[in-house]
Amino acid sequence: GTQGAIAYGQLAAFSVLYATPVLALYL
């Protein structure tokens, strides 16, 4: 967000979903 505001929990959850397709493709 603006002024340094970061939604850490949502960012981490999105990162988990973002990494899942690559792991599935590798397998």
mmCIF file of all heavy atoms, coordinates in Angstrom:
data_MODEL
# 
_entry.id   MODEL 
# 
loop_
_atom_site.group_PDB 
_atom_site.id 
_atom_site.type_symbol 
_atom_site.label_atom_id 
_atom_site.label_alt_id 
_atom_site.label_comp_id 
_atom_site.label_asym_id 
_atom_site.label_entity_id 
_atom_site.label_seq_id 
_atom_site.pdbx_PDB_ins_code 
_atom_site.Cartn_x 
_atom_site.Cartn_y 
_atom_site.Cartn_z 
_atom_site.occupancy 
_atom_site.B_iso_or_equiv 
_atom_site.pdbx_formal_charge 
_atom_site.auth_seq_id 
_atom_site.auth_comp_id 
_atom_site.auth_asym_id 
_atom_site.auth_atom_id 
_atom_site.pdbx_PDB_model_num 
ATOM 1   N N   . GLY A 1 1  ? 0.810  -1.203  0.000   1.00 0.00 ? 1  GLY A N   1 
ATOM 2   C CA  . GLY A 1 1  ? 0.000  0.000   0.000   1.00 0.00 ? 1  GLY A CA  1 
ATOM 3   C C   . GLY A 1 1  ? 0.849  1.260   0.000   1.00 0.00 ? 1  GLY A C   1 
ATOM 4   O O   . GLY A 1 1  ? 2.076  1.230   -0.125  1.00 0.00 ? 1  GLY A O   1 
ATOM 5   N N   . THR A 1 2  ? 0.191  2.368   0.118   1.00 0.00 ? 2  THR A N   1 
ATOM 6   C CA  . THR A 1 2  ? 0.874  3.661   0.152   1.00 0.00 ? 2  THR A CA  1 
ATOM 7   C C   . THR A 1 2  ? 1.445  3.911   1.543   1.00 0.00 ? 2  THR A C   1 
ATOM 8   O O   . THR A 1 2  ? 1.022  3.315   2.544   1.00 0.00 ? 2  THR A O   1 
ATOM 9   C CB  . THR A 1 2  ? -0.099 4.783   -0.219  1.00 0.00 ? 2  THR A CB  1 
ATOM 10  O OG1 . THR A 1 2  ? -1.205 4.760   0.699   1.00 0.00 ? 2  THR A OG1 1 
ATOM 11  C CG2 . THR A 1 2  ? -0.617 4.593   -1.643  1.00 0.00 ? 2  THR A CG2 1 
ATOM 12  N N   . GLN A 1 3  ? 2.435  4.776   1.608   1.00 0.00 ? 3  GLN A N   1 
ATOM 13  C CA  . GLN A 1 3  ? 3.081  5.196   2.843   1.00 0.00 ? 3  GLN A CA  1 
ATOM 14  C C   . GLN A 1 3  ? 3.656  4.010   3.628   1.00 0.00 ? 3  GLN A C   1 
ATOM 15  O O   . GLN A 1 3  ? 3.643  3.978   4.854   1.00 0.00 ? 3  GLN A O   1 
ATOM 16  C CB  . GLN A 1 3  ? 2.101  5.977   3.724   1.00 0.00 ? 3  GLN A CB  1 
ATOM 17  C CG  . GLN A 1 3  ? 1.588  7.248   3.063   1.00 0.00 ? 3  GLN A CG  1 
ATOM 18  C CD  . GLN A 1 3  ? 0.599  7.989   3.927   1.00 0.00 ? 3  GLN A CD  1 
ATOM 19  O OE1 . GLN A 1 3  ? 0.248  7.527   5.011   1.00 0.00 ? 3  GLN A OE1 1 
ATOM 20  N NE2 . GLN A 1 3  ? 0.158  9.158   3.465   1.00 0.00 ? 3  GLN A NE2 1 
ATOM 21  N N   . GLY A 1 4  ? 4.136  3.006   2.891   1.00 0.00 ? 4  GLY A N   1 
ATOM 22  C CA  . GLY A 1 4  ? 4.818  1.885   3.518   1.00 0.00 ? 4  GLY A CA  1 
ATOM 23  C C   . GLY A 1 4  ? 3.936  0.844   4.145   1.00 0.00 ? 4  GLY A C   1 
ATOM 24  O O   . GLY A 1 4  ? 4.441  -0.060  4.826   1.00 0.00 ? 4  GLY A O   1 
ATOM 25  N N   . ALA A 1 5  ? 2.616  0.916   3.946   1.00 0.00 ? 5  ALA A N   1 
ATOM 26  C CA  . ALA A 1 5  ? 1.704  -0.081  4.521   1.00 0.00 ? 5  ALA A CA  1 
ATOM 27  C C   . ALA A 1 5  ? 1.745  -1.348  3.674   1.00 0.00 ? 5  ALA A C   1 
ATOM 28  O O   . ALA A 1 5  ? 1.566  -1.298  2.454   1.00 0.00 ? 5  ALA A O   1 
ATOM 29  C CB  . ALA A 1 5  ? 0.291  0.465   4.591   1.00 0.00 ? 5  ALA A CB  1 
ATOM 30  N N   . ILE A 1 6  ? 1.973  -2.474  4.318   1.00 0.00 ? 6  ILE A N   1 
ATOM 31  C CA  . ILE A 1 6  ? 2.080  -3.762  3.624   1.00 0.00 ? 6  ILE A CA  1 
ATOM 32  C C   . ILE A 1 6  ? 1.190  -4.769  4.339   1.00 0.00 ? 6  ILE A C   1 
ATOM 33  O O   . ILE A 1 6  ? 1.252  -4.906  5.567   1.00 0.00 ? 6  ILE A O   1 
ATOM 34  C CB  . ILE A 1 6  ? 3.532  -4.279  3.600   1.00 0.00 ? 6  ILE A CB  1 
ATOM 35  C CG1 . ILE A 1 6  ? 4.463  -3.257  2.930   1.00 0.00 ? 6  ILE A CG1 1 
ATOM 36  C CG2 . ILE A 1 6  ? 3.615  -5.614  2.863   1.00 0.00 ? 6  ILE A CG2 1 
ATOM 37  C CD1 . ILE A 1 6  ? 5.925  -3.651  2.958   1.00 0.00 ? 6  ILE A CD1 1 
ATOM 38  N N   . ALA A 1 7  ? 0.366  -5.456  3.568   1.00 0.00 ? 7  ALA A N   1 
ATOM 39  C CA  . ALA A 1 7  ? -0.473 -6.519  4.114   1.00 0.00 ? 7  ALA A CA  1 
ATOM 40  C C   . ALA A 1 7  ? 0.350  -7.807  4.132   1.00 0.00 ? 7  ALA A C   1 
ATOM 41  O O   . ALA A 1 7  ? 0.333  -8.590  3.174   1.00 0.00 ? 7  ALA A O   1 
ATOM 42  C CB  . ALA A 1 7  ? -1.746 -6.668  3.303   1.00 0.00 ? 7  ALA A CB  1 
ATOM 43  N N   . TYR A 1 8  ? 1.079  -8.030  5.218   1.00 0.00 ? 8  TYR A N   1 
ATOM 44  C CA  . TYR A 1 8  ? 2.025  -9.143  5.270   1.00 0.00 ? 8  TYR A CA  1 
ATOM 45  C C   . TYR A 1 8  ? 1.326  -10.487 5.167   1.00 0.00 ? 8  TYR A C   1 
ATOM 46  O O   . TYR A 1 8  ? 1.797  -11.404 4.478   1.00 0.00 ? 8  TYR A O   1 
ATOM 47  C CB  . TYR A 1 8  ? 2.834  -9.073  6.566   1.00 0.00 ? 8  TYR A CB  1 
ATOM 48  C CG  . TYR A 1 8  ? 3.792  -7.919  6.621   1.00 0.00 ? 8  TYR A CG  1 
ATOM 49  C CD1 . TYR A 1 8  ? 3.536  -6.820  7.435   1.00 0.00 ? 8  TYR A CD1 1 
ATOM 50  C CD2 . TYR A 1 8  ? 4.965  -7.921  5.867   1.00 0.00 ? 8  TYR A CD2 1 
ATOM 51  C CE1 . TYR A 1 8  ? 4.414  -5.749  7.494   1.00 0.00 ? 8  TYR A CE1 1 
ATOM 52  C CE2 . TYR A 1 8  ? 5.848  -6.854  5.920   1.00 0.00 ? 8  TYR A CE2 1 
ATOM 53  C CZ  . TYR A 1 8  ? 5.570  -5.772  6.733   1.00 0.00 ? 8  TYR A CZ  1 
ATOM 54  O OH  . TYR A 1 8  ? 6.437  -4.713  6.779   1.00 0.00 ? 8  TYR A OH  1 
ATOM 55  N N   . GLY A 1 9  ? 0.221  -10.651 5.841   1.00 0.00 ? 9  GLY A N   1 
ATOM 56  C CA  . GLY A 1 9  ? -0.469 -11.940 5.807   1.00 0.00 ? 9  GLY A CA  1 
ATOM 57  C C   . GLY A 1 9  ? -0.997 -12.269 4.422   1.00 0.00 ? 9  GLY A C   1 
ATOM 58  O O   . GLY A 1 9  ? -0.836 -13.397 3.931   1.00 0.00 ? 9  GLY A O   1 
ATOM 59  N N   . GLN A 1 10 ? -1.637 -11.293 3.769   1.00 0.00 ? 10 GLN A N   1 
ATOM 60  C CA  . GLN A 1 10 ? -2.141 -11.525 2.416   1.00 0.00 ? 10 GLN A CA  1 
ATOM 61  C C   . GLN A 1 10 ? -1.001 -11.708 1.417   1.00 0.00 ? 10 GLN A C   1 
ATOM 62  O O   . GLN A 1 10 ? -1.103 -12.513 0.487   1.00 0.00 ? 10 GLN A O   1 
ATOM 63  C CB  . GLN A 1 10 ? -3.030 -10.358 2.001   1.00 0.00 ? 10 GLN A CB  1 
ATOM 64  C CG  . GLN A 1 10 ? -4.250 -10.167 2.877   1.00 0.00 ? 10 GLN A CG  1 
ATOM 65  C CD  . GLN A 1 10 ? -5.076 -8.974  2.456   1.00 0.00 ? 10 GLN A CD  1 
ATOM 66  O OE1 . GLN A 1 10 ? -4.917 -8.441  1.365   1.00 0.00 ? 10 GLN A OE1 1 
ATOM 67  N NE2 . GLN A 1 10 ? -5.980 -8.546  3.344   1.00 0.00 ? 10 GLN A NE2 1 
ATOM 68  N N   . LEU A 1 11 ? 0.084  -10.983 1.609   1.00 0.00 ? 11 LEU A N   1 
ATOM 69  C CA  . LEU A 1 11 ? 1.247  -11.149 0.744   1.00 0.00 ? 11 LEU A CA  1 
ATOM 70  C C   . LEU A 1 11 ? 1.829  -12.562 0.864   1.00 0.00 ? 11 LEU A C   1 
ATOM 71  O O   . LEU A 1 11 ? 2.174  -13.187 -0.140  1.00 0.00 ? 11 LEU A O   1 
ATOM 72  C CB  . LEU A 1 11 ? 2.316  -10.114 1.107   1.00 0.00 ? 11 LEU A CB  1 
ATOM 73  C CG  . LEU A 1 11 ? 3.650  -10.195 0.364   1.00 0.00 ? 11 LEU A CG  1 
ATOM 74  C CD1 . LEU A 1 11 ? 3.441  -9.967  -1.134  1.00 0.00 ? 11 LEU A CD1 1 
ATOM 75  C CD2 . LEU A 1 11 ? 4.635  -9.182  0.926   1.00 0.00 ? 11 LEU A CD2 1 
ATOM 76  N N   . ALA A 1 12 ? 1.916  -13.081 2.080   1.00 0.00 ? 12 ALA A N   1 
ATOM 77  C CA  . ALA A 1 12 ? 2.438  -14.436 2.277   1.00 0.00 ? 12 ALA A CA  1 
ATOM 78  C C   . ALA A 1 12 ? 1.487  -15.479 1.699   1.00 0.00 ? 12 ALA A C   1 
ATOM 79  O O   . ALA A 1 12 ? 1.925  -16.456 1.076   1.00 0.00 ? 12 ALA A O   1 
ATOM 80  C CB  . ALA A 1 12 ? 2.671  -14.685 3.768   1.00 0.00 ? 12 ALA A CB  1 
ATOM 81  N N   . ALA A 1 13 ? 0.182  -15.295 1.892   1.00 0.00 ? 13 ALA A N   1 
ATOM 82  C CA  . ALA A 1 13 ? -0.780 -16.245 1.338   1.00 0.00 ? 13 ALA A CA  1 
ATOM 83  C C   . ALA A 1 13 ? -0.737 -16.245 -0.189  1.00 0.00 ? 13 ALA A C   1 
ATOM 84  O O   . ALA A 1 13 ? -0.793 -17.304 -0.829  1.00 0.00 ? 13 ALA A O   1 
ATOM 85  C CB  . ALA A 1 13 ? -2.187 -15.907 1.837   1.00 0.00 ? 13 ALA A CB  1 
ATOM 86  N N   . PHE A 1 14 ? -0.643 -15.063 -0.786  1.00 0.00 ? 14 PHE A N   1 
ATOM 87  C CA  . PHE A 1 14 ? -0.539 -14.984 -2.240  1.00 0.00 ? 14 PHE A CA  1 
ATOM 88  C C   . PHE A 1 14 ? 0.756  -15.621 -2.728  1.00 0.00 ? 14 PHE A C   1 
ATOM 89  O O   . PHE A 1 14 ? 0.784  -16.244 -3.801  1.00 0.00 ? 14 PHE A O   1 
ATOM 90  C CB  . PHE A 1 14 ? -0.619 -13.525 -2.686  1.00 0.00 ? 14 PHE A CB  1 
ATOM 91  C CG  . PHE A 1 14 ? -0.627 -13.344 -4.174  1.00 0.00 ? 14 PHE A CG  1 
ATOM 92  C CD1 . PHE A 1 14 ? -1.808 -13.441 -4.897  1.00 0.00 ? 14 PHE A CD1 1 
ATOM 93  C CD2 . PHE A 1 14 ? 0.546  -13.080 -4.861  1.00 0.00 ? 14 PHE A CD2 1 
ATOM 94  C CE1 . PHE A 1 14 ? -1.827 -13.282 -6.270  1.00 0.00 ? 14 PHE A CE1 1 
ATOM 95  C CE2 . PHE A 1 14 ? 0.545  -12.920 -6.232  1.00 0.00 ? 14 PHE A CE2 1 
ATOM 96  C CZ  . PHE A 1 14 ? -0.644 -13.022 -6.941  1.00 0.00 ? 14 PHE A CZ  1 
ATOM 97  N N   . SER A 1 15 ? 1.831  -15.490 -1.970  1.00 0.00 ? 15 SER A N   1 
ATOM 98  C CA  . SER A 1 15 ? 3.110  -16.088 -2.367  1.00 0.00 ? 15 SER A CA  1 
ATOM 99  C C   . SER A 1 15 ? 3.032  -17.609 -2.361  1.00 0.00 ? 15 SER A C   1 
ATOM 100 O O   . SER A 1 15 ? 3.615  -18.267 -3.231  1.00 0.00 ? 15 SER A O   1 
ATOM 101 C CB  . SER A 1 15 ? 4.219  -15.611 -1.425  1.00 0.00 ? 15 SER A CB  1 
ATOM 102 O OG  . SER A 1 15 ? 4.349  -14.204 -1.461  1.00 0.00 ? 15 SER A OG  1 
ATOM 103 N N   . VAL A 1 16 ? 2.309  -18.172 -1.395  1.00 0.00 ? 16 VAL A N   1 
ATOM 104 C CA  . VAL A 1 16 ? 2.140  -19.629 -1.370  1.00 0.00 ? 16 VAL A CA  1 
ATOM 105 C C   . VAL A 1 16 ? 1.378  -20.095 -2.598  1.00 0.00 ? 16 VAL A C   1 
ATOM 106 O O   . VAL A 1 16 ? 1.753  -21.077 -3.263  1.00 0.00 ? 16 VAL A O   1 
ATOM 107 C CB  . VAL A 1 16 ? 1.426  -20.054 -0.076  1.00 0.00 ? 16 VAL A CB  1 
ATOM 108 C CG1 . VAL A 1 16 ? 1.075  -21.538 -0.117  1.00 0.00 ? 16 VAL A CG1 1 
ATOM 109 C CG2 . VAL A 1 16 ? 2.292  -19.756 1.140   1.00 0.00 ? 16 VAL A CG2 1 
ATOM 110 N N   . LEU A 1 17 ? 0.299  -19.393 -2.940  1.00 0.00 ? 17 LEU A N   1 
ATOM 111 C CA  . LEU A 1 17 ? -0.468 -19.753 -4.135  1.00 0.00 ? 17 LEU A CA  1 
ATOM 112 C C   . LEU A 1 17 ? 0.331  -19.510 -5.406  1.00 0.00 ? 17 LEU A C   1 
ATOM 113 O O   . LEU A 1 17 ? 0.200  -20.251 -6.387  1.00 0.00 ? 17 LEU A O   1 
ATOM 114 C CB  . LEU A 1 17 ? -1.766 -18.937 -4.176  1.00 0.00 ? 17 LEU A CB  1 
ATOM 115 C CG  . LEU A 1 17 ? -2.730 -19.160 -3.003  1.00 0.00 ? 17 LEU A CG  1 
ATOM 116 C CD1 . LEU A 1 17 ? -3.904 -18.189 -3.091  1.00 0.00 ? 17 LEU A CD1 1 
ATOM 117 C CD2 . LEU A 1 17 ? -3.230 -20.602 -2.984  1.00 0.00 ? 17 LEU A CD2 1 
ATOM 118 N N   . TYR A 1 18 ? 1.190  -18.493 -5.379  1.00 0.00 ? 18 TYR A N   1 
ATOM 119 C CA  . TYR A 1 18 ? 1.999  -18.154 -6.549  1.00 0.00 ? 18 TYR A CA  1 
ATOM 120 C C   . TYR A 1 18 ? 3.064  -19.211 -6.825  1.00 0.00 ? 18 TYR A C   1 
ATOM 121 O O   . TYR A 1 18 ? 3.411  -19.466 -7.991  1.00 0.00 ? 18 TYR A O   1 
ATOM 122 C CB  . TYR A 1 18 ? 2.638  -16.788 -6.312  1.00 0.00 ? 18 TYR A CB  1 
ATOM 123 C CG  . TYR A 1 18 ? 3.555  -16.304 -7.400  1.00 0.00 ? 18 TYR A CG  1 
ATOM 124 C CD1 . TYR A 1 18 ? 3.091  -16.081 -8.689  1.00 0.00 ? 18 TYR A CD1 1 
ATOM 125 C CD2 . TYR A 1 18 ? 4.898  -16.047 -7.138  1.00 0.00 ? 18 TYR A CD2 1 
ATOM 126 C CE1 . TYR A 1 18 ? 3.922  -15.624 -9.690  1.00 0.00 ? 18 TYR A CE1 1 
ATOM 127 C CE2 . TYR A 1 18 ? 5.742  -15.589 -8.128  1.00 0.00 ? 18 TYR A CE2 1 
ATOM 128 C CZ  . TYR A 1 18 ? 5.243  -15.385 -9.398  1.00 0.00 ? 18 TYR A CZ  1 
ATOM 129 O OH  . TYR A 1 18 ? 6.086  -14.944 -10.394 1.00 0.00 ? 18 TYR A OH  1 
ATOM 130 N N   . ALA A 1 19 ? 3.586  -19.843 -5.777  1.00 0.00 ? 19 ALA A N   1 
ATOM 131 C CA  . ALA A 1 19 ? 4.639  -20.850 -5.953  1.00 0.00 ? 19 ALA A CA  1 
ATOM 132 C C   . ALA A 1 19 ? 4.093  -22.234 -6.239  1.00 0.00 ? 19 ALA A C   1 
ATOM 133 O O   . ALA A 1 19 ? 4.840  -23.100 -6.724  1.00 0.00 ? 19 ALA A O   1 
ATOM 134 C CB  . ALA A 1 19 ? 5.519  -20.905 -4.707  1.00 0.00 ? 19 ALA A CB  1 
ATOM 135 N N   . THR A 1 20 ? 2.821  -22.476 -5.979  1.00 0.00 ? 20 THR A N   1 
ATOM 136 C CA  . THR A 1 20 ? 2.263  -23.821 -6.143  1.00 0.00 ? 20 THR A CA  1 
ATOM 137 C C   . THR A 1 20 ? 2.289  -24.319 -7.588  1.00 0.00 ? 20 THR A C   1 
ATOM 138 O O   . THR A 1 20 ? 2.668  -25.471 -7.833  1.00 0.00 ? 20 THR A O   1 
ATOM 139 C CB  . THR A 1 20 ? 0.834  -23.862 -5.586  1.00 0.00 ? 20 THR A CB  1 
ATOM 140 O OG1 . THR A 1 20 ? 0.860  -23.488 -4.204  1.00 0.00 ? 20 THR A OG1 1 
ATOM 141 C CG2 . THR A 1 20 ? 0.240  -25.254 -5.720  1.00 0.00 ? 20 THR A CG2 1 
ATOM 142 N N   . PRO A 1 21 ? 1.898  -23.527 -8.612  1.00 0.00 ? 21 PRO A N   1 
ATOM 143 C CA  . PRO A 1 21 ? 1.930  -24.055 -9.985  1.00 0.00 ? 21 PRO A CA  1 
ATOM 144 C C   . PRO A 1 21 ? 3.317  -24.477 -10.451 1.00 0.00 ? 21 PRO A C   1 
ATOM 145 O O   . PRO A 1 21 ? 3.449  -25.457 -11.198 1.00 0.00 ? 21 PRO A O   1 
ATOM 146 C CB  . PRO A 1 21 ? 1.376  -22.887 -10.822 1.00 0.00 ? 21 PRO A CB  1 
ATOM 147 C CG  . PRO A 1 21 ? 0.557  -22.091 -9.875  1.00 0.00 ? 21 PRO A CG  1 
ATOM 148 C CD  . PRO A 1 21 ? 1.261  -22.191 -8.569  1.00 0.00 ? 21 PRO A CD  1 
ATOM 149 N N   . VAL A 1 22 ? 4.355  -23.769 -10.043 1.00 0.00 ? 22 VAL A N   1 
ATOM 150 C CA  . VAL A 1 22 ? 5.703  -24.137 -10.465 1.00 0.00 ? 22 VAL A CA  1 
ATOM 151 C C   . VAL A 1 22 ? 6.109  -25.473 -9.859  1.00 0.00 ? 22 VAL A C   1 
ATOM 152 O O   . VAL A 1 22 ? 6.696  -26.331 -10.539 1.00 0.00 ? 22 VAL A O   1 
ATOM 153 C CB  . VAL A 1 22 ? 6.700  -23.029 -10.084 1.00 0.00 ? 22 VAL A CB  1 
ATOM 154 C CG1 . VAL A 1 22 ? 8.112  -23.415 -10.470 1.00 0.00 ? 22 VAL A CG1 1 
ATOM 155 C CG2 . VAL A 1 22 ? 6.319  -21.720 -10.744 1.00 0.00 ? 22 VAL A CG2 1 
ATOM 156 N N   . LEU A 1 23 ? 5.798  -25.676 -8.585  1.00 0.00 ? 23 LEU A N   1 
ATOM 157 C CA  . LEU A 1 23 ? 6.112  -26.964 -7.958  1.00 0.00 ? 23 LEU A CA  1 
ATOM 158 C C   . LEU A 1 23 ? 5.331  -28.096 -8.607  1.00 0.00 ? 23 LEU A C   1 
ATOM 159 O O   . LEU A 1 23 ? 5.869  -29.184 -8.844  1.00 0.00 ? 23 LEU A O   1 
ATOM 160 C CB  . LEU A 1 23 ? 5.802  -26.888 -6.462  1.00 0.00 ? 23 LEU A CB  1 
ATOM 161 C CG  . LEU A 1 23 ? 6.620  -25.883 -5.644  1.00 0.00 ? 23 LEU A CG  1 
ATOM 162 C CD1 . LEU A 1 23 ? 6.157  -25.880 -4.196  1.00 0.00 ? 23 LEU A CD1 1 
ATOM 163 C CD2 . LEU A 1 23 ? 8.103  -26.199 -5.721  1.00 0.00 ? 23 LEU A CD2 1 
ATOM 164 N N   . ALA A 1 24 ? 4.057  -27.849 -8.905  1.00 0.00 ? 24 ALA A N   1 
ATOM 165 C CA  . ALA A 1 24 ? 3.255  -28.876 -9.556  1.00 0.00 ? 24 ALA A CA  1 
ATOM 166 C C   . ALA A 1 24 ? 3.789  -29.199 -10.943 1.00 0.00 ? 24 ALA A C   1 
ATOM 167 O O   . ALA A 1 24 ? 3.844  -30.368 -11.351 1.00 0.00 ? 24 ALA A O   1 
ATOM 168 C CB  . ALA A 1 24 ? 1.791  -28.424 -9.638  1.00 0.00 ? 24 ALA A CB  1 
ATOM 169 N N   . LEU A 1 25 ? 4.200  -28.164 -11.687 1.00 0.00 ? 25 LEU A N   1 
ATOM 170 C CA  . LEU A 1 25 ? 4.764  -28.397 -13.021 1.00 0.00 ? 25 LEU A CA  1 
ATOM 171 C C   . LEU A 1 25 ? 6.039  -29.213 -12.949 1.00 0.00 ? 25 LEU A C   1 
ATOM 172 O O   . LEU A 1 25 ? 6.255  -30.127 -13.752 1.00 0.00 ? 25 LEU A O   1 
ATOM 173 C CB  . LEU A 1 25 ? 5.036  -27.055 -13.705 1.00 0.00 ? 25 LEU A CB  1 
ATOM 174 C CG  . LEU A 1 25 ? 5.772  -27.137 -15.042 1.00 0.00 ? 25 LEU A CG  1 
ATOM 175 C CD1 . LEU A 1 25 ? 4.879  -27.760 -16.108 1.00 0.00 ? 25 LEU A CD1 1 
ATOM 176 C CD2 . LEU A 1 25 ? 6.247  -25.768 -15.491 1.00 0.00 ? 25 LEU A CD2 1 
ATOM 177 N N   . TYR A 1 26 ? 6.890  -28.921 -11.983 1.00 0.00 ? 26 TYR A N   1 
ATOM 178 C CA  . TYR A 1 26 ? 8.137  -29.671 -11.840 1.00 0.00 ? 26 TYR A CA  1 
ATOM 179 C C   . TYR A 1 26 ? 7.854  -31.142 -11.581 1.00 0.00 ? 26 TYR A C   1 
ATOM 180 O O   . TYR A 1 26 ? 8.486  -32.034 -12.172 1.00 0.00 ? 26 TYR A O   1 
ATOM 181 C CB  . TYR A 1 26 ? 8.968  -29.072 -10.714 1.00 0.00 ? 26 TYR A CB  1 
ATOM 182 C CG  . TYR A 1 26 ? 10.244 -29.831 -10.444 1.00 0.00 ? 26 TYR A CG  1 
ATOM 183 C CD1 . TYR A 1 26 ? 11.355 -29.673 -11.269 1.00 0.00 ? 26 TYR A CD1 1 
ATOM 184 C CD2 . TYR A 1 26 ? 10.338 -30.721 -9.379  1.00 0.00 ? 26 TYR A CD2 1 
ATOM 185 C CE1 . TYR A 1 26 ? 12.521 -30.382 -11.025 1.00 0.00 ? 26 TYR A CE1 1 
ATOM 186 C CE2 . TYR A 1 26 ? 11.492 -31.431 -9.136  1.00 0.00 ? 26 TYR A CE2 1 
ATOM 187 C CZ  . TYR A 1 26 ? 12.587 -31.248 -9.964  1.00 0.00 ? 26 TYR A CZ  1 
ATOM 188 O OH  . TYR A 1 26 ? 13.736 -31.954 -9.727  1.00 0.00 ? 26 TYR A OH  1 
ATOM 189 N N   . LEU A 1 27 ? 6.899  -31.434 -10.710 1.00 0.00 ? 27 LEU A N   1 
ATOM 190 C CA  . LEU A 1 27 ? 6.588  -32.827 -10.404 1.00 0.00 ? 27 LEU A CA  1 
ATOM 191 C C   . LEU A 1 27 ? 5.989  -33.544 -11.611 1.00 0.00 ? 27 LEU A C   1 
ATOM 192 O O   . LEU A 1 27 ? 6.334  -34.693 -11.893 1.00 0.00 ? 27 LEU A O   1 
ATOM 193 C CB  . LEU A 1 27 ? 5.621  -32.883 -9.216  1.00 0.00 ? 27 LEU A CB  1 
ATOM 194 C CG  . LEU A 1 27 ? 6.170  -32.373 -7.878  1.00 0.00 ? 27 LEU A CG  1 
ATOM 195 C CD1 . LEU A 1 27 ? 5.084  -32.413 -6.807  1.00 0.00 ? 27 LEU A CD1 1 
ATOM 196 C CD2 . LEU A 1 27 ? 7.385  -33.168 -7.432  1.00 0.00 ? 27 LEU A CD2 1 
# 
